[in-house]
Amino acid sequence: MVSEIVINLRNYGIAATGISSLLDQKKRIRLLKDFKLGKYRYMVATDVASRGIDIDNINFVYNYDLPSDSENYVHRIGRTARAGRKGTSISFCSERDYSELEKIEKLLGQKIAVMEVMEDYLIFPKGDYKQFTMAHEKEFSQSEETQNPRNGKKHFPKPDHKGKGKFPHKKEKPYRKSI
């Protein structure tokens, strides 16, 4: 999901990157650092970014969906209110998420303002856009982060080596059995 959103944003020239639990920790740290340095204007993230990540000056948080755990919602929108600052959180809530909205309102002790999304808002802009790319980063692609359809676990494709444990830079030694 993160990859799809990032690809769409980049196709419209928007400097975006994304992090999720499907990326290894080293890559998440590098992308967060690049975001903090201003190399990206937008960060698309799963709940992996809702806790324990210190990023200053976040003005907006857009929730593509509502979390099933109300506490995660508080942590997500809390990204905008660091050190007494104020920010805006916009959440998309479908009929599927409505029960989660009620749980979040109960936790917060207040109603959340709701507005209907106008169909005109759902149209992609027309025109020619220069795609956003970073020279050192591979484009986000479906092959970069995938899930095993049988068990839902994350899978990172390995480099294309022939045979288990064999590497292109090492020569194969003939197998000899001692007697």
N, C-alpha and C. Protein backbone atom coordinates (compact mmCIF):
# COMPACT_ATOMS: atom_id res chain seq x y z
N MET A 1 0.83 -1.19 0.00
CA MET A 1 0.00 0.00 0.00
C MET A 1 0.87 1.26 0.00
N VAL A 2 1.91 1.29 0.85
CA VAL A 2 2.78 2.46 0.93
C VAL A 2 3.44 2.71 -0.43
N SER A 3 3.94 1.65 -1.05
CA SER A 3 4.60 1.79 -2.34
C SER A 3 3.67 2.38 -3.39
N GLU A 4 2.43 1.92 -3.42
CA GLU A 4 1.47 2.43 -4.40
C GLU A 4 1.23 3.92 -4.22
N ILE A 5 1.06 4.34 -2.99
CA ILE A 5 0.81 5.76 -2.71
C ILE A 5 2.03 6.60 -3.09
N VAL A 6 3.22 6.14 -2.71
CA VAL A 6 4.45 6.88 -3.03
C VAL A 6 4.62 6.99 -4.54
N ILE A 7 4.41 5.90 -5.26
CA ILE A 7 4.55 5.92 -6.72
C ILE A 7 3.58 6.92 -7.33
N ASN A 8 2.32 6.93 -6.88
CA ASN A 8 1.34 7.88 -7.40
C ASN A 8 1.75 9.32 -7.11
N LEU A 9 2.20 9.60 -5.91
CA LEU A 9 2.63 10.96 -5.58
C LEU A 9 3.81 11.38 -6.43
N ARG A 10 4.78 10.49 -6.58
CA ARG A 10 5.96 10.81 -7.38
C ARG A 10 5.60 11.04 -8.86
N ASN A 11 4.63 10.30 -9.35
CA ASN A 11 4.22 10.49 -10.75
C ASN A 11 3.67 11.89 -10.99
N TYR A 12 3.19 12.54 -9.94
CA TYR A 12 2.70 13.91 -10.04
C TYR A 12 3.75 14.93 -9.60
N GLY A 13 4.99 14.48 -9.49
CA GLY A 13 6.09 15.38 -9.19
C GLY A 13 6.22 15.72 -7.72
N ILE A 14 5.59 14.97 -6.85
CA ILE A 14 5.62 15.26 -5.42
C ILE A 14 6.77 14.49 -4.78
N ALA A 15 7.62 15.20 -4.05
CA ALA A 15 8.78 14.61 -3.40
C ALA A 15 8.33 13.81 -2.18
N ALA A 16 8.06 12.52 -2.40
CA ALA A 16 7.55 11.67 -1.33
C ALA A 16 8.39 10.41 -1.22
N THR A 17 8.43 9.88 -0.02
CA THR A 17 9.02 8.58 0.24
C THR A 17 8.11 7.86 1.23
N GLY A 18 8.43 6.64 1.57
CA GLY A 18 7.57 5.91 2.48
C GLY A 18 8.32 4.89 3.29
N ILE A 19 7.77 4.59 4.45
CA ILE A 19 8.34 3.55 5.30
C ILE A 19 7.22 2.65 5.81
N SER A 20 7.57 1.41 5.95
CA SER A 20 6.64 0.43 6.53
C SER A 20 7.46 -0.68 7.15
N SER A 21 6.80 -1.58 7.84
CA SER A 21 7.50 -2.70 8.46
C SER A 21 8.04 -3.67 7.41
N LEU A 22 7.63 -3.51 6.16
CA LEU A 22 8.12 -4.37 5.09
C LEU A 22 9.52 -3.97 4.61
N LEU A 23 10.01 -2.82 5.05
CA LEU A 23 11.38 -2.40 4.74
C LEU A 23 12.27 -2.73 5.92
N ASP A 24 13.52 -3.07 5.65
CA ASP A 24 14.40 -3.38 6.78
C ASP A 24 14.72 -2.10 7.56
N GLN A 25 15.12 -2.26 8.80
CA GLN A 25 15.34 -1.15 9.72
C GLN A 25 16.37 -0.15 9.18
N LYS A 26 17.42 -0.65 8.57
CA LYS A 26 18.47 0.22 8.04
C LYS A 26 17.91 1.18 6.98
N LYS A 27 17.06 0.65 6.09
CA LYS A 27 16.48 1.49 5.04
C LYS A 27 15.49 2.48 5.64
N ARG A 28 14.69 2.06 6.64
CA ARG A 28 13.74 2.99 7.29
C ARG A 28 14.49 4.15 7.92
N ILE A 29 15.60 3.84 8.60
CA ILE A 29 16.39 4.90 9.26
C ILE A 29 16.94 5.86 8.22
N ARG A 30 17.45 5.35 7.10
CA ARG A 30 17.99 6.22 6.05
C ARG A 30 16.90 7.10 5.46
N LEU A 31 15.73 6.54 5.19
CA LEU A 31 14.64 7.33 4.61
C LEU A 31 14.14 8.40 5.59
N LEU A 32 14.07 8.05 6.88
CA LEU A 32 13.69 9.06 7.89
C LEU A 32 14.71 10.18 7.97
N LYS A 33 15.98 9.82 7.91
CA LYS A 33 17.04 10.84 7.94
C LYS A 33 16.91 11.77 6.73
N ASP A 34 16.70 11.18 5.54
CA ASP A 34 16.53 11.99 4.33
C ASP A 34 15.30 12.88 4.43
N PHE A 35 14.24 12.40 5.05
CA PHE A 35 13.03 13.20 5.25
C PHE A 35 13.33 14.38 6.17
N LYS A 36 14.02 14.11 7.27
CA LYS A 36 14.38 15.18 8.22
C LYS A 36 15.27 16.23 7.57
N LEU A 37 16.13 15.79 6.66
CA LEU A 37 17.04 16.71 5.97
C LEU A 37 16.35 17.49 4.86
N GLY A 38 15.08 17.17 4.58
CA GLY A 38 14.33 17.91 3.58
C GLY A 38 14.44 17.37 2.16
N LYS A 39 14.99 16.18 2.00
CA LYS A 39 15.10 15.59 0.66
C LYS A 39 13.73 15.17 0.13
N TYR A 40 12.82 14.92 1.05
CA TYR A 40 11.44 14.57 0.71
C TYR A 40 10.52 15.54 1.43
N ARG A 41 9.44 15.92 0.79
CA ARG A 41 8.47 16.82 1.41
C ARG A 41 7.39 16.03 2.16
N TYR A 42 7.12 14.81 1.69
CA TYR A 42 6.06 14.00 2.30
C TYR A 42 6.58 12.61 2.64
N MET A 43 6.12 12.11 3.77
CA MET A 43 6.45 10.76 4.22
C MET A 43 5.15 9.98 4.31
N VAL A 44 5.07 8.88 3.60
CA VAL A 44 3.94 7.96 3.67
C VAL A 44 4.38 6.83 4.59
N ALA A 45 3.59 6.54 5.62
CA ALA A 45 4.04 5.55 6.59
C ALA A 45 2.88 4.74 7.16
N THR A 46 3.23 3.54 7.57
CA THR A 46 2.27 2.72 8.30
C THR A 46 2.43 3.08 9.78
N ASP A 47 1.81 2.31 10.66
CA ASP A 47 1.92 2.59 12.09
C ASP A 47 3.34 2.45 12.62
N VAL A 48 4.26 1.97 11.80
CA VAL A 48 5.65 1.86 12.21
C VAL A 48 6.19 3.24 12.58
N ALA A 49 5.62 4.31 12.03
CA ALA A 49 6.09 5.66 12.30
C ALA A 49 5.27 6.39 13.36
N SER A 50 4.30 5.73 13.95
CA SER A 50 3.44 6.44 14.89
C SER A 50 4.03 6.56 16.29
N ARG A 51 4.97 5.72 16.64
CA ARG A 51 5.55 5.76 17.99
C ARG A 51 7.07 5.84 17.94
N GLY A 52 7.61 6.60 18.86
CA GLY A 52 9.05 6.60 19.07
C GLY A 52 9.89 7.25 17.99
N ILE A 53 9.29 7.99 17.09
CA ILE A 53 10.06 8.65 16.05
C ILE A 53 9.95 10.15 16.27
N ASP A 54 11.09 10.78 16.43
CA ASP A 54 11.12 12.21 16.74
C ASP A 54 11.43 13.02 15.48
N ILE A 55 10.40 13.62 14.92
CA ILE A 55 10.55 14.47 13.75
C ILE A 55 9.87 15.79 14.08
N ASP A 56 10.63 16.88 14.01
CA ASP A 56 10.09 18.20 14.30
C ASP A 56 9.32 18.75 13.10
N ASN A 57 8.45 19.71 13.39
CA ASN A 57 7.76 20.50 12.37
C ASN A 57 6.89 19.70 11.40
N ILE A 58 6.14 18.76 11.92
CA ILE A 58 5.14 18.06 11.11
C ILE A 58 3.85 18.85 11.28
N ASN A 59 3.35 19.41 10.19
CA ASN A 59 2.15 20.24 10.26
C ASN A 59 0.87 19.47 9.96
N PHE A 60 0.99 18.42 9.15
CA PHE A 60 -0.19 17.65 8.73
C PHE A 60 0.08 16.16 8.84
N VAL A 61 -0.92 15.43 9.30
CA VAL A 61 -0.91 13.97 9.25
C VAL A 61 -2.19 13.57 8.54
N TYR A 62 -2.04 12.79 7.49
CA TYR A 62 -3.19 12.26 6.76
C TYR A 62 -3.29 10.77 7.07
N ASN A 63 -4.40 10.36 7.62
CA ASN A 63 -4.64 8.94 7.90
C ASN A 63 -5.42 8.35 6.74
N TYR A 64 -4.76 7.49 5.99
CA TYR A 64 -5.40 6.85 4.84
C TYR A 64 -6.53 5.94 5.30
N ASP A 65 -6.40 5.40 6.48
CA ASP A 65 -7.46 4.62 7.11
C ASP A 65 -7.34 4.80 8.62
N LEU A 66 -8.33 4.36 9.34
CA LEU A 66 -8.28 4.47 10.79
C LEU A 66 -7.70 3.19 11.37
N PRO A 67 -6.84 3.31 12.37
CA PRO A 67 -6.27 2.11 12.96
C PRO A 67 -7.31 1.35 13.79
N SER A 68 -7.12 0.06 13.90
CA SER A 68 -8.05 -0.75 14.71
C SER A 68 -7.80 -0.54 16.20
N ASP A 69 -6.64 -0.03 16.56
CA ASP A 69 -6.32 0.29 17.95
C ASP A 69 -6.39 1.80 18.13
N SER A 70 -7.32 2.27 18.95
CA SER A 70 -7.53 3.71 19.14
C SER A 70 -6.28 4.42 19.64
N GLU A 71 -5.49 3.75 20.45
CA GLU A 71 -4.25 4.34 20.96
C GLU A 71 -3.32 4.71 19.81
N ASN A 72 -3.29 3.88 18.76
CA ASN A 72 -2.44 4.18 17.60
C ASN A 72 -2.88 5.47 16.91
N TYR A 73 -4.17 5.75 16.91
CA TYR A 73 -4.66 7.00 16.33
C TYR A 73 -4.07 8.18 17.08
N VAL A 74 -4.08 8.11 18.40
CA VAL A 74 -3.54 9.19 19.22
C VAL A 74 -2.06 9.39 18.91
N HIS A 75 -1.33 8.30 18.76
CA HIS A 75 0.10 8.41 18.45
C HIS A 75 0.32 8.94 17.03
N ARG A 76 -0.53 8.52 16.09
CA ARG A 76 -0.40 9.02 14.71
C ARG A 76 -0.57 10.53 14.66
N ILE A 77 -1.66 11.03 15.23
CA ILE A 77 -1.91 12.47 15.14
C ILE A 77 -0.97 13.25 16.05
N GLY A 78 -0.40 12.57 17.04
CA GLY A 78 0.55 13.20 17.93
C GLY A 78 1.82 13.66 17.24
N ARG A 79 2.07 13.18 16.05
CA ARG A 79 3.24 13.62 15.27
C ARG A 79 3.17 15.12 15.00
N THR A 80 1.95 15.71 14.99
CA THR A 80 1.81 17.13 14.69
C THR A 80 1.91 18.01 15.93
N ALA A 81 1.83 17.43 17.09
CA ALA A 81 1.76 18.24 18.32
C ALA A 81 3.00 18.07 19.18
N ARG A 82 4.15 18.04 18.58
CA ARG A 82 5.40 17.88 19.32
C ARG A 82 5.78 19.20 19.99
N ALA A 83 6.21 19.12 21.23
CA ALA A 83 6.72 20.29 21.97
C ALA A 83 5.75 21.46 21.96
N GLY A 84 4.45 21.19 22.17
CA GLY A 84 3.46 22.24 22.28
C GLY A 84 2.99 22.83 20.97
N ARG A 85 3.49 22.33 19.85
CA ARG A 85 3.06 22.84 18.55
C ARG A 85 1.66 22.35 18.23
N LYS A 86 1.04 22.99 17.26
CA LYS A 86 -0.28 22.57 16.79
C LYS A 86 -0.16 22.12 15.36
N GLY A 87 -1.05 21.22 14.98
CA GLY A 87 -1.04 20.72 13.62
C GLY A 87 -2.43 20.23 13.25
N THR A 88 -2.54 19.69 12.06
CA THR A 88 -3.82 19.23 11.55
C THR A 88 -3.73 17.76 11.19
N SER A 89 -4.76 17.02 11.55
CA SER A 89 -4.85 15.62 11.16
C SER A 89 -6.11 15.44 10.34
N ILE A 90 -5.96 14.84 9.18
CA ILE A 90 -7.11 14.54 8.33
C ILE A 90 -7.14 13.03 8.15
N SER A 91 -8.27 12.43 8.48
CA SER A 91 -8.40 10.98 8.39
C SER A 91 -9.50 10.61 7.41
N PHE A 92 -9.22 9.61 6.61
CA PHE A 92 -10.22 9.08 5.70
C PHE A 92 -10.91 7.92 6.41
N CYS A 93 -12.23 7.96 6.41
CA CYS A 93 -13.00 6.96 7.14
C CYS A 93 -14.09 6.42 6.22
N SER A 94 -13.99 5.16 5.88
CA SER A 94 -15.02 4.53 5.05
C SER A 94 -16.04 3.86 5.97
N GLU A 95 -17.06 3.29 5.37
CA GLU A 95 -18.05 2.57 6.16
C GLU A 95 -17.39 1.46 6.95
N ARG A 96 -16.34 0.89 6.39
CA ARG A 96 -15.60 -0.19 7.03
C ARG A 96 -14.92 0.28 8.32
N ASP A 97 -14.53 1.55 8.38
CA ASP A 97 -13.81 2.10 9.53
C ASP A 97 -14.71 2.79 10.56
N TYR A 98 -16.01 2.86 10.29
CA TYR A 98 -16.88 3.69 11.13
C TYR A 98 -16.87 3.25 12.60
N SER A 99 -16.83 1.94 12.86
CA SER A 99 -16.81 1.49 14.26
C SER A 99 -15.52 1.93 14.95
N GLU A 100 -14.42 2.03 14.18
CA GLU A 100 -13.16 2.51 14.75
C GLU A 100 -13.27 3.99 15.11
N LEU A 101 -13.97 4.76 14.29
CA LEU A 101 -14.18 6.18 14.58
C LEU A 101 -14.89 6.36 15.92
N GLU A 102 -15.92 5.56 16.15
CA GLU A 102 -16.65 5.64 17.42
C GLU A 102 -15.74 5.31 18.61
N LYS A 103 -14.88 4.32 18.46
CA LYS A 103 -13.95 3.95 19.54
C LYS A 103 -12.96 5.08 19.82
N ILE A 104 -12.47 5.71 18.75
CA ILE A 104 -11.51 6.82 18.90
C ILE A 104 -12.17 8.00 19.60
N GLU A 105 -13.41 8.33 19.21
CA GLU A 105 -14.13 9.43 19.86
C GLU A 105 -14.36 9.13 21.33
N LYS A 106 -14.65 7.90 21.65
CA LYS A 106 -14.86 7.51 23.05
C LYS A 106 -13.56 7.69 23.84
N LEU A 107 -12.43 7.25 23.27
CA LEU A 107 -11.13 7.41 23.93
C LEU A 107 -10.79 8.88 24.14
N LEU A 108 -11.04 9.71 23.11
CA LEU A 108 -10.72 11.14 23.20
C LEU A 108 -11.70 11.92 24.07
N GLY A 109 -12.90 11.35 24.25
CA GLY A 109 -13.93 12.04 25.02
C GLY A 109 -14.56 13.19 24.27
N GLN A 110 -14.49 13.17 22.97
CA GLN A 110 -15.09 14.23 22.15
C GLN A 110 -15.35 13.71 20.74
N LYS A 111 -16.27 14.38 20.06
CA LYS A 111 -16.59 14.05 18.68
C LYS A 111 -15.52 14.61 17.77
N ILE A 112 -15.26 13.92 16.68
CA ILE A 112 -14.33 14.39 15.65
C ILE A 112 -15.17 14.95 14.51
N ALA A 113 -14.80 16.13 14.05
CA ALA A 113 -15.54 16.76 12.95
C ALA A 113 -15.46 15.87 11.71
N VAL A 114 -16.61 15.66 11.08
CA VAL A 114 -16.70 14.78 9.91
C VAL A 114 -17.27 15.58 8.74
N MET A 115 -16.70 15.37 7.58
CA MET A 115 -17.25 15.98 6.37
C MET A 115 -17.29 14.93 5.27
N GLU A 116 -18.22 15.08 4.38
CA GLU A 116 -18.34 14.15 3.27
C GLU A 116 -17.33 14.51 2.19
N VAL A 117 -16.71 13.51 1.62
CA VAL A 117 -15.75 13.75 0.54
C VAL A 117 -16.53 13.94 -0.76
N MET A 118 -16.30 15.04 -1.40
CA MET A 118 -16.96 15.34 -2.66
C MET A 118 -16.31 14.51 -3.77
N GLU A 119 -17.12 14.01 -4.68
CA GLU A 119 -16.60 13.18 -5.76
C GLU A 119 -15.57 13.92 -6.61
N ASP A 120 -15.70 15.24 -6.72
CA ASP A 120 -14.73 16.04 -7.48
C ASP A 120 -13.32 15.95 -6.89
N TYR A 121 -13.23 15.69 -5.58
CA TYR A 121 -11.92 15.59 -4.93
C TYR A 121 -11.18 14.32 -5.35
N LEU A 122 -11.88 13.35 -5.87
CA LEU A 122 -11.30 12.06 -6.18
C LEU A 122 -10.74 11.95 -7.59
N ILE A 123 -10.73 13.03 -8.32
CA ILE A 123 -10.24 13.04 -9.69
C ILE A 123 -8.76 13.44 -9.69
N PHE A 124 -7.94 12.65 -10.37
CA PHE A 124 -6.53 12.98 -10.47
C PHE A 124 -6.36 14.22 -11.34
N PRO A 125 -5.41 15.07 -11.01
CA PRO A 125 -5.19 16.28 -11.81
C PRO A 125 -4.71 15.92 -13.21
N LYS A 126 -5.05 16.76 -14.15
CA LYS A 126 -4.64 16.55 -15.54
C LYS A 126 -3.42 17.43 -15.84
N GLY A 127 -2.65 17.01 -16.82
CA GLY A 127 -1.49 17.80 -17.23
C GLY A 127 -0.24 16.95 -17.26
N ASP A 128 0.85 17.58 -17.68
CA ASP A 128 2.14 16.91 -17.73
C ASP A 128 2.90 17.23 -16.46
N TYR A 129 3.42 16.18 -15.83
CA TYR A 129 4.15 16.35 -14.58
C TYR A 129 5.52 15.70 -14.72
N LYS A 130 6.53 16.34 -14.16
CA LYS A 130 7.87 15.77 -14.15
C LYS A 130 7.94 14.85 -12.95
N GLN A 131 8.18 13.58 -13.20
CA GLN A 131 8.22 12.58 -12.14
C GLN A 131 9.35 12.87 -11.18
N PHE A 132 9.08 12.74 -9.87
CA PHE A 132 10.09 12.95 -8.84
C PHE A 132 10.90 11.68 -8.68
N THR A 133 12.23 11.81 -8.73
CA THR A 133 13.12 10.67 -8.47
C THR A 133 14.31 11.15 -7.67
N MET A 134 14.87 10.24 -6.91
CA MET A 134 16.11 10.51 -6.17
C MET A 134 17.21 9.72 -6.85
N ALA A 135 18.34 10.34 -7.10
CA ALA A 135 19.43 9.70 -7.83
C ALA A 135 19.94 8.44 -7.12
N HIS A 136 20.04 8.47 -5.80
CA HIS A 136 20.64 7.35 -5.07
C HIS A 136 19.62 6.27 -4.69
N GLU A 137 18.36 6.51 -4.96
CA GLU A 137 17.33 5.58 -4.49
C GLU A 137 16.64 4.89 -5.65
N LYS A 138 16.45 3.59 -5.51
CA LYS A 138 15.68 2.87 -6.51
C LYS A 138 14.23 3.32 -6.37
N GLU A 139 13.52 3.32 -7.47
CA GLU A 139 12.10 3.64 -7.42
C GLU A 139 11.39 2.64 -6.54
N PHE A 140 10.37 3.08 -5.86
CA PHE A 140 9.54 2.14 -5.11
C PHE A 140 8.89 1.23 -6.12
N SER A 141 8.88 -0.03 -5.82
CA SER A 141 8.23 -0.97 -6.73
C SER A 141 7.63 -2.10 -5.93
N GLN A 142 6.71 -2.79 -6.53
CA GLN A 142 6.06 -3.91 -5.86
C GLN A 142 7.08 -4.98 -5.53
N SER A 143 8.13 -5.14 -6.35
CA SER A 143 9.10 -6.19 -6.10
C SER A 143 9.96 -5.87 -4.89
N GLU A 144 10.02 -4.61 -4.49
CA GLU A 144 10.85 -4.23 -3.37
C GLU A 144 10.29 -4.72 -2.04
N GLU A 145 9.01 -4.68 -1.89
CA GLU A 145 8.40 -5.16 -0.67
C GLU A 145 7.14 -5.94 -1.03
N THR A 146 7.14 -7.20 -0.67
CA THR A 146 6.00 -8.04 -1.01
C THR A 146 5.61 -8.86 0.21
N GLN A 147 4.41 -9.39 0.16
CA GLN A 147 3.95 -10.27 1.23
C GLN A 147 3.69 -11.64 0.67
N ASN A 148 4.01 -12.64 1.47
CA ASN A 148 3.71 -14.01 1.10
C ASN A 148 2.21 -14.18 1.18
N PRO A 149 1.53 -14.55 0.07
CA PRO A 149 0.08 -14.66 0.09
C PRO A 149 -0.43 -15.76 1.01
N ARG A 150 0.41 -16.74 1.33
CA ARG A 150 -0.04 -17.84 2.19
C ARG A 150 -0.06 -17.45 3.67
N ASN A 151 0.98 -16.76 4.13
CA ASN A 151 1.04 -16.46 5.56
C ASN A 151 1.10 -14.98 5.88
N GLY A 152 1.14 -14.10 4.87
CA GLY A 152 1.14 -12.66 5.10
C GLY A 152 2.45 -12.09 5.60
N LYS A 153 3.49 -12.95 5.75
CA LYS A 153 4.78 -12.46 6.24
C LYS A 153 5.51 -11.70 5.14
N LYS A 154 6.35 -10.75 5.58
CA LYS A 154 7.09 -9.95 4.61
C LYS A 154 8.17 -10.79 3.94
N HIS A 155 8.48 -10.40 2.71
CA HIS A 155 9.47 -11.11 1.93
C HIS A 155 10.31 -10.09 1.19
N PHE A 156 11.62 -10.24 1.31
CA PHE A 156 12.52 -9.38 0.57
C PHE A 156 13.25 -10.24 -0.44
N PRO A 157 13.08 -9.96 -1.72
CA PRO A 157 13.75 -10.76 -2.73
C PRO A 157 15.26 -10.75 -2.54
N LYS A 158 15.88 -11.89 -2.68
CA LYS A 158 17.33 -12.01 -2.55
C LYS A 158 17.96 -11.72 -3.91
N PRO A 159 19.25 -11.34 -3.91
CA PRO A 159 19.93 -11.17 -5.19
C PRO A 159 19.89 -12.49 -5.97
N ASP A 160 19.95 -12.40 -7.26
CA ASP A 160 19.80 -13.57 -8.11
C ASP A 160 21.09 -14.39 -8.13
N HIS A 161 21.22 -15.30 -7.18
CA HIS A 161 22.35 -16.23 -7.13
C HIS A 161 21.85 -17.59 -7.57
N LYS A 162 22.71 -18.33 -8.23
CA LYS A 162 22.33 -19.66 -8.67
C LYS A 162 22.71 -20.66 -7.59
N GLY A 163 21.75 -21.29 -7.00
CA GLY A 163 22.02 -22.30 -6.00
C GLY A 163 22.10 -21.71 -4.61
N LYS A 164 21.73 -22.50 -3.66
CA LYS A 164 21.72 -22.04 -2.27
C LYS A 164 23.14 -21.86 -1.75
N GLY A 165 23.42 -20.71 -1.18
CA GLY A 165 24.70 -20.45 -0.56
C GLY A 165 25.84 -20.19 -1.53
N LYS A 166 25.58 -20.11 -2.81
CA LYS A 166 26.64 -19.87 -3.79
C LYS A 166 26.61 -18.40 -4.21
N PHE A 167 27.77 -17.83 -4.36
CA PHE A 167 27.87 -16.44 -4.73
C PHE A 167 28.69 -16.31 -6.01
N PRO A 168 28.35 -15.36 -6.87
CA PRO A 168 29.01 -15.24 -8.17
C PRO A 168 30.52 -14.99 -8.07
N HIS A 169 31.00 -14.36 -7.00
CA HIS A 169 32.42 -14.04 -6.90
C HIS A 169 33.25 -15.22 -6.40
N LYS A 170 32.62 -16.28 -5.93
CA LYS A 170 33.35 -17.45 -5.43
C LYS A 170 33.27 -18.57 -6.45
N LYS A 171 34.43 -19.21 -6.66
CA LYS A 171 34.46 -20.35 -7.58
C LYS A 171 34.04 -21.59 -6.82
N GLU A 172 33.35 -22.44 -7.54
CA GLU A 172 32.90 -23.69 -6.94
C GLU A 172 34.05 -24.67 -6.88
N LYS A 173 34.24 -25.33 -5.73
CA LYS A 173 35.27 -26.36 -5.60
C LYS A 173 34.59 -27.71 -5.78
N PRO A 174 35.29 -28.62 -6.44
CA PRO A 174 34.70 -29.95 -6.61
C PRO A 174 34.51 -30.64 -5.27
N TYR A 175 33.47 -31.39 -5.15
CA TYR A 175 33.17 -32.09 -3.91
C TYR A 175 34.00 -33.37 -3.86
N ARG A 176 34.73 -33.56 -2.77
CA ARG A 176 35.50 -34.78 -2.57
C ARG A 176 35.19 -35.34 -1.21
N LYS A 177 34.95 -36.60 -1.20
CA LYS A 177 34.62 -37.28 0.05
C LYS A 177 35.85 -38.06 0.50
N SER A 178 36.27 -37.86 1.75
CA SER A 178 37.41 -38.61 2.29
C SER A 178 36.94 -39.95 2.82
N ILE A 179 37.74 -40.97 2.60
CA ILE A 179 37.39 -42.31 3.11
C ILE A 179 38.44 -42.74 4.09
